Protein backbone atom coordinates (compact mmCIF):
# COMPACT_ATOMS: atom_id res chain seq x y z
CA TYR A 1 -2.35 18.23 -2.42
CA LYS A 2 -0.94 19.76 0.73
CA PHE A 3 -2.53 22.84 2.05
CA TYR A 4 -0.93 24.06 5.26
CA MET A 5 1.46 26.88 6.01
CA LEU A 6 5.03 26.20 6.91
CA ASN A 7 6.64 28.22 9.63
CA ASP A 8 8.51 31.15 8.22
CA ALA A 9 12.08 29.87 8.25
CA SER A 10 13.43 33.29 9.15
CA ASN A 11 11.39 33.42 12.35
CA SER A 12 12.29 30.07 13.82
CA LYS A 13 15.48 28.25 14.61
CA PRO A 14 15.91 25.05 12.63
CA VAL A 15 14.91 21.75 14.21
CA ILE A 16 17.75 20.00 12.33
CA LYS A 17 20.92 21.76 11.23
CA CYS A 18 23.85 20.15 9.43
CA GLU A 19 27.17 21.91 8.90
CA SER A 20 29.70 20.35 6.50
CA VAL A 21 28.79 16.77 7.39
CA TYR A 22 31.01 14.06 5.92
CA LYS A 23 30.72 10.30 6.26
CA ILE A 24 33.56 8.33 4.73
CA PHE A 25 33.93 4.58 5.17
CA GLY A 26 37.35 2.94 5.28
CA ASN A 27 40.60 2.81 7.21
CA ASN A 28 42.22 6.19 7.91
CA ALA A 29 39.13 7.97 6.48
CA LYS A 30 39.39 10.74 9.08
CA LYS A 31 43.09 11.32 8.40
CA ILE A 32 42.66 11.35 4.60
CA LEU A 33 39.72 13.79 5.00
CA GLU A 34 41.79 16.12 7.18
CA ASN A 35 44.53 16.15 4.55
CA SER A 36 42.06 16.93 1.75
CA ASN A 37 41.08 20.40 3.12
CA GLY A 38 37.40 19.51 2.70
CA LYS A 39 37.70 18.93 -1.06
CA VAL A 40 36.58 15.35 -1.38
CA SER A 41 36.69 13.51 -4.70
CA ALA A 42 34.86 10.17 -4.59
CA SER A 43 37.28 8.64 -7.13
CA ASP A 44 40.43 9.81 -5.26
CA PHE A 45 39.09 8.43 -1.98
CA GLN A 46 38.18 5.17 -3.71
CA LYS A 47 41.79 4.79 -4.83
CA ALA A 48 42.79 5.15 -1.16
CA GLY A 49 40.38 2.34 -0.26
CA CYS A 50 37.60 4.56 1.09
CA ILE A 51 33.95 5.00 0.11
CA VAL A 52 32.37 8.45 0.31
CA GLY A 53 28.89 8.20 1.85
CA VAL A 54 28.13 11.87 2.55
CA ASN A 55 30.19 14.71 1.10
CA ASN A 56 29.96 18.14 2.73
CA ALA A 57 26.22 18.23 3.51
CA THR A 58 25.03 21.61 4.84
CA PHE A 59 21.32 22.37 5.27
CA GLU A 60 18.52 23.10 7.74
CA ILE A 61 15.06 21.62 8.30
CA HIS A 62 12.46 23.77 10.06
CA LYS A 63 9.55 22.87 12.28
CA GLY A 64 6.68 21.18 10.44
CA GLU A 65 8.69 20.83 7.24
CA MET A 66 9.05 17.66 5.17
CA LEU A 67 12.43 17.35 3.48
CA VAL A 68 12.57 14.44 1.04
CA VAL A 69 16.10 13.20 0.31
CA MET A 70 16.36 11.33 -2.94
CA GLY A 71 18.88 9.83 -5.30
CA LEU A 72 19.77 6.55 -6.93
CA SER A 73 21.02 3.56 -4.96
CA GLY A 74 24.40 4.37 -3.42
CA SER A 75 23.93 8.15 -3.60
CA GLY A 76 24.28 8.53 0.17
CA LYS A 77 20.69 9.37 1.11
CA SER A 78 20.26 6.63 3.76
CA THR A 79 23.75 7.28 5.13
CA LEU A 80 22.84 10.95 5.62
CA LEU A 81 19.68 9.99 7.50
CA ARG A 82 21.65 7.56 9.66
CA CYS A 83 24.16 10.29 10.52
CA ILE A 84 21.40 12.70 11.58
CA SER A 85 19.72 10.05 13.75
CA ARG A 86 23.24 9.06 14.91
CA LEU A 87 22.79 5.43 14.04
CA THR A 88 26.11 6.13 12.30
CA ASP A 89 28.72 8.61 13.52
CA PRO A 90 29.80 11.13 10.87
CA THR A 91 33.49 11.38 10.00
CA ALA A 92 33.41 15.18 10.29
CA GLY A 93 31.00 18.09 10.60
CA LYS A 94 28.37 19.29 13.05
CA ILE A 95 24.75 18.27 13.54
CA PHE A 96 22.34 20.16 15.78
CA ILE A 97 18.91 18.97 16.93
CA ASP A 98 16.87 21.86 18.36
CA GLY A 99 20.12 23.76 18.85
CA GLU A 100 21.81 20.93 20.77
CA ASP A 101 25.04 19.43 19.46
CA LEU A 102 24.11 15.85 18.56
CA LEU A 103 27.71 14.67 18.30
CA LYS A 104 28.57 15.76 21.84
CA MET A 105 25.70 13.85 23.42
CA SER A 106 26.48 10.95 25.75
CA SER A 107 24.91 7.53 25.15
CA LYS A 108 22.38 8.29 27.87
CA GLN A 109 21.39 11.63 26.28
CA LEU A 110 21.15 9.95 22.90
CA ILE A 111 18.81 7.25 24.25
CA GLU A 112 16.63 9.97 25.83
CA LEU A 113 16.54 11.90 22.56
CA ARG A 114 15.55 8.82 20.55
CA ARG A 115 12.91 7.77 23.07
CA ASN A 116 11.28 11.17 23.42
CA LYS A 117 11.92 13.20 20.28
CA MET A 118 12.61 10.88 17.35
CA GLY A 119 10.46 8.40 15.49
CA MET A 120 11.89 6.09 12.84
CA VAL A 121 10.28 3.99 10.12
CA PHE A 122 12.33 1.79 7.82
CA GLN A 123 11.67 -0.21 4.66
CA SER A 124 11.59 -3.43 6.66
CA PHE A 125 8.58 -3.32 8.96
CA ALA A 126 10.53 -4.94 11.85
CA LEU A 127 7.36 -5.94 13.69
CA LEU A 128 7.52 -8.40 16.56
CA PRO A 129 5.88 -11.54 15.09
CA HIS A 130 4.51 -12.94 18.37
CA LYS A 131 2.83 -9.71 19.42
CA THR A 132 -0.50 -8.37 18.15
CA VAL A 133 -0.89 -5.06 16.32
CA LEU A 134 -1.84 -3.39 19.60
CA GLU A 135 1.09 -4.92 21.50
CA ASN A 136 3.54 -3.94 18.76
CA ILE A 137 2.40 -0.32 18.93
CA ALA A 138 2.38 -0.24 22.75
CA PHE A 139 5.86 -1.77 23.00
CA PRO A 140 7.95 1.47 22.83
CA LEU A 141 5.61 3.09 25.38
CA LEU A 142 6.17 0.25 27.86
CA ILE A 143 9.93 0.64 27.37
CA LYS A 144 9.52 4.34 28.19
CA GLY A 145 8.00 3.31 31.52
CA MET A 146 4.33 4.01 30.78
CA SER A 147 1.81 1.76 32.54
CA THR A 148 0.27 -1.13 30.58
CA GLU A 149 -3.17 0.46 30.73
CA GLN A 150 -1.93 3.84 29.45
CA SER A 151 0.19 2.18 26.76
CA ILE A 152 -2.73 0.15 25.42
CA GLY A 153 -4.98 3.24 25.49
CA LYS A 154 -2.44 5.27 23.51
CA ALA A 155 -1.81 2.37 21.11
CA MET A 156 -5.54 2.14 20.43
CA GLU A 157 -5.59 5.85 19.49
CA MET A 158 -2.75 5.17 17.03
CA VAL A 159 -4.62 2.16 15.57
CA GLU A 160 -7.53 4.48 14.74
CA LEU A 161 -5.23 7.19 13.43
CA VAL A 162 -3.70 4.88 10.80
CA GLY A 163 -7.00 3.23 9.88
CA LEU A 164 -6.53 -0.24 11.40
CA LYS A 165 -9.49 -0.32 13.77
CA GLY A 166 -10.88 -3.85 13.93
CA ARG A 167 -7.45 -5.38 13.30
CA GLU A 168 -5.81 -4.47 16.61
CA ASN A 169 -5.71 -8.11 17.75
CA TYR A 170 -4.28 -9.48 14.50
CA PHE A 171 -0.71 -10.77 14.35
CA PRO A 172 1.68 -9.33 11.71
CA ARG A 173 1.46 -12.51 9.57
CA GLU A 174 -2.31 -11.92 9.24
CA LEU A 175 -1.81 -8.47 7.70
CA SER A 176 -0.99 -7.30 4.17
CA GLY A 177 2.26 -5.43 3.47
CA GLY A 178 0.48 -2.08 3.52
CA GLN A 179 -1.22 -2.89 6.83
CA GLN A 180 2.10 -3.98 8.35
CA GLN A 181 3.66 -0.71 7.28
CA ARG A 182 0.77 1.16 8.95
CA VAL A 183 1.60 -0.66 12.19
CA GLY A 184 5.22 0.46 11.81
CA ILE A 185 4.07 4.05 11.29
CA ALA A 186 1.66 3.85 14.26
CA ARG A 187 4.39 2.43 16.48
CA SER A 188 6.79 5.24 15.62
CA LEU A 189 4.06 7.85 16.18
CA ALA A 190 2.99 6.42 19.56
CA VAL A 191 5.91 8.10 21.34
CA GLU A 192 4.77 11.44 19.82
CA PRO A 193 8.11 12.29 18.21
CA ASP A 194 8.85 15.87 17.15
CA ILE A 195 11.19 14.58 14.45
CA TRP A 196 10.30 11.72 12.16
CA PHE A 197 12.85 9.81 10.06
CA LEU A 198 11.52 7.58 7.29
CA ASP A 199 13.89 5.52 5.13
CA GLU A 200 12.17 4.21 1.98
CA PRO A 201 9.12 3.26 4.05
CA PHE A 202 6.86 2.43 1.08
CA SER A 203 9.31 0.94 -1.43
CA ALA A 204 8.49 -2.67 -0.55
CA LEU A 205 4.80 -2.10 -1.33
CA ASP A 206 3.06 -2.62 -4.65
CA PRO A 207 2.19 0.60 -6.57
CA LEU A 208 -1.49 0.79 -5.62
CA ILE A 209 -0.89 0.28 -1.89
CA ARG A 210 2.06 2.64 -2.11
CA LYS A 211 -0.18 5.41 -3.47
CA GLU A 212 -2.69 4.76 -0.66
CA MET A 213 0.10 4.94 1.92
CA GLN A 214 1.33 8.25 0.47
CA ASP A 215 -2.20 9.65 0.70
CA GLU A 216 -2.46 8.39 4.27
CA PHE A 217 0.93 9.87 5.09
CA LEU A 218 -0.07 13.29 3.74
CA ARG A 219 -3.29 13.12 5.76
CA LEU A 220 -1.33 12.33 8.93
CA GLN A 221 1.17 15.13 8.30
CA ASP A 222 -1.66 17.56 7.64
CA SER A 223 -2.95 17.02 11.16
CA LEU A 224 0.32 16.29 13.02
CA HIS A 225 2.80 18.78 11.44
CA LYS A 226 5.89 16.71 12.27
CA THR A 227 9.39 17.72 11.20
CA ILE A 228 10.20 14.98 8.70
CA MET A 229 13.19 13.67 6.82
CA PHE A 230 11.96 11.17 4.25
CA VAL A 231 14.33 9.11 2.07
CA THR A 232 13.22 7.69 -1.29
CA HIS A 233 14.67 6.79 -4.71
CA ASP A 234 11.31 7.51 -6.39
CA PHE A 235 11.07 11.02 -7.86
CA ASP A 236 7.27 10.87 -8.22
CA GLU A 237 7.00 10.03 -4.52
CA ALA A 238 9.32 12.92 -3.66
CA LEU A 239 7.22 15.33 -5.73
CA ARG A 240 3.99 14.20 -4.06
CA LEU A 241 5.23 14.46 -0.51
CA ALA A 242 7.94 17.08 -0.21
CA ASP A 243 7.97 20.66 0.93
CA ARG A 244 11.58 20.64 -0.28
CA ILE A 245 13.65 17.99 -2.05
CA ALA A 246 17.37 17.29 -1.70
CA ILE A 247 18.78 15.36 -4.66
CA MET A 248 21.99 13.46 -3.91
CA LYS A 249 24.70 11.96 -6.10
CA ASP A 250 27.96 10.39 -4.86
CA GLY A 251 27.31 11.76 -1.37
CA ILE A 252 26.88 15.36 -2.58
CA ILE A 253 23.60 17.28 -2.34
CA GLU A 254 23.32 18.46 -5.95
CA GLN A 255 20.27 20.65 -5.30
CA LEU A 256 18.01 21.37 -2.35
CA ASP A 257 14.88 23.28 -3.32
CA THR A 258 11.11 23.25 -3.62
CA PRO A 259 9.65 20.66 -6.04
CA ASP A 260 8.57 23.32 -8.55
CA ASN A 261 11.97 25.05 -8.52
CA ILE A 262 13.72 21.74 -9.09
CA VAL A 263 11.47 21.03 -12.08
CA LEU A 264 11.66 24.59 -13.50
CA ASN A 265 15.29 25.36 -12.65
CA PRO A 266 17.42 22.22 -12.29
CA ALA A 267 20.83 23.25 -10.91
CA THR A 268 22.92 20.52 -12.60
CA GLU A 269 22.75 18.14 -15.54
CA TYR A 270 22.18 15.29 -13.09
CA VAL A 271 19.12 17.00 -11.58
CA LYS A 272 17.87 17.87 -15.08
CA LYS A 273 17.89 14.17 -15.99
CA PHE A 274 15.68 13.42 -12.99
CA THR A 275 13.16 16.08 -13.99
CA GLU A 276 13.01 15.56 -17.78
CA ASP A 277 10.07 13.17 -17.79
CA VAL A 278 8.04 14.84 -15.04
CA PRO A 279 4.59 16.02 -16.18
CA ARG A 280 4.89 19.66 -15.12
CA GLU A 281 1.18 20.16 -14.56
CA LYS A 282 1.24 17.53 -11.79
CA VAL A 283 3.96 19.37 -9.88
CA LEU A 284 3.84 23.07 -10.49
CA LYS A 285 1.65 25.37 -8.47
CA ILE A 286 -0.10 28.43 -9.87
CA GLU A 287 2.33 30.53 -7.81
CA SER A 288 5.28 29.31 -9.90
CA ILE A 289 3.84 30.56 -13.23
CA MET A 290 1.88 33.66 -12.19
CA ASP A 291 2.91 37.20 -13.15
CA ASP A 292 3.51 40.03 -10.68
CA LEU A 293 0.58 42.09 -9.50
CA ASN A 294 1.63 45.22 -11.36
CA GLU A 295 -1.42 46.10 -13.39
CA LYS A 296 -5.01 46.88 -12.57
CA ILE A 297 -7.13 43.79 -13.06
CA VAL A 298 -10.90 43.80 -13.11
CA THR A 299 -12.18 40.27 -12.77
CA GLN A 300 -14.58 38.23 -10.69
CA ASN A 301 -12.44 35.15 -11.08
CA SER A 302 -9.70 34.26 -8.63
CA ILE A 303 -7.54 31.21 -8.04
CA SER A 304 -5.39 30.02 -5.13
CA LYS A 305 -1.62 30.38 -5.52
CA ASP A 306 -1.22 26.90 -3.97
CA SER A 307 -3.39 25.06 -6.50
CA ILE A 308 -1.55 22.44 -8.56
CA ILE A 309 -1.99 23.36 -12.24
CA GLU A 310 -3.44 19.98 -13.21
CA THR A 311 -6.36 20.35 -10.77
CA VAL A 312 -7.46 23.76 -12.11
CA ALA A 313 -6.24 23.73 -15.73
CA GLU A 314 -9.68 23.16 -17.23
CA SER A 315 -11.33 26.13 -15.51
CA ILE A 316 -8.33 28.37 -16.36
CA LEU A 317 -8.40 27.42 -20.03
CA GLU A 318 -12.14 28.08 -20.19
CA SER A 319 -11.56 31.61 -18.85
CA LYS A 320 -11.43 34.36 -21.45
CA GLU A 321 -9.60 36.77 -19.15
CA SER A 322 -6.68 36.89 -16.74
CA LEU A 323 -7.31 35.57 -13.24
CA LEU A 324 -6.45 37.11 -9.92
CA VAL A 325 -4.15 34.84 -7.89
CA VAL A 326 -4.85 34.93 -4.15
CA ASP A 327 -3.32 33.58 -0.94
CA VAL A 328 -6.10 31.70 0.87
CA ASN A 329 -3.99 31.58 4.04
CA GLN A 330 -4.14 35.38 4.20
CA ASN A 331 -7.85 36.02 3.64
CA ASP A 332 -7.60 35.79 -0.15
CA LYS A 333 -4.99 38.53 -0.38
CA PRO A 334 -4.15 39.20 -4.08
CA VAL A 335 -0.58 38.11 -4.86
CA GLY A 336 -0.41 37.92 -8.66
CA ILE A 337 -2.10 37.61 -12.04
CA LEU A 338 -2.43 34.53 -14.22
CA ASN A 339 -2.83 34.73 -17.97
CA PRO A 340 -4.47 31.58 -19.44
CA ALA A 341 -1.96 31.70 -22.30
CA LYS A 342 0.83 31.10 -19.76
CA VAL A 343 -0.82 27.83 -18.71
CA ILE A 344 -1.04 26.69 -22.35
CA LYS A 345 2.67 27.49 -22.73
CA VAL A 346 3.61 25.45 -19.64
CA LEU A 347 1.36 22.50 -20.55
CA PHE A 348 1.98 22.33 -24.28
CA GLY A 349 5.22 24.30 -24.73
CA LYS A 350 3.65 26.72 -27.21
């Protein structure tokens, strides 16, 4: 599980900020939106021959944070990502990248931004078939104007980072799906982007390789601390990877919250349906079920607030007494108390 501190959102300006972003496809979409006073009904717009892709999206993503956007097919998650990377122009709203107005940027500024600040990985690996692994990864660096020698040197570092050493001279056709996806990830990381957009990057992979890629991805993020927007339709994947999850339906963000809050406190019936079958012990952290530190506790036993319940359940249930919950990022500062009975209640509903 992840174990690094996020920047305190209150102390830093957001890397990505969206204000009332709409994307509506169809003739006269802009005019119909203006006449609707911001109240967009997907069915009403459909009658007018329009499709609502994104409906009034407002949120922020902070430095080093991974926001996973999820929903069923057609919910608008990929459209939202395309608006924020400006592969698609929104119909209305404002988008800021590091405080700069994305929608006011010229083509030249946009190219600069994409080359220097953004990395993108899509479901299709989009590798160049006649170039080797190394050449594929070096390609964006050469476009940026880096010398061949420097590009190859940097590409080799990326090869090692994603665990493909020894395969740098292979062609894409000689690699498995998971290995090809690693090349795609390495290529997008080569330009050292601050912001990383990933649209269903693992969904074409079989379950075992997918799990390996998720582990690899978490390992990379643990050392690189990128600001990430990750799109998936797989709730288990979202729970494994996310700092926060945005669940979309018909273009609307139904809930944007931490994984444990979404599981414990679903905001709508739609979100509740997503969370019904989730094994809580695999998602919830000790922090989400601990009690306040309001009584004197004498115990030798302590537990980290960031531990996932499943990983520590056995030792908790063997304990005859309450445990002190500590924050390991702040020199084991006590932050709460955990009663073993509470764990039994969460796990078995008794």
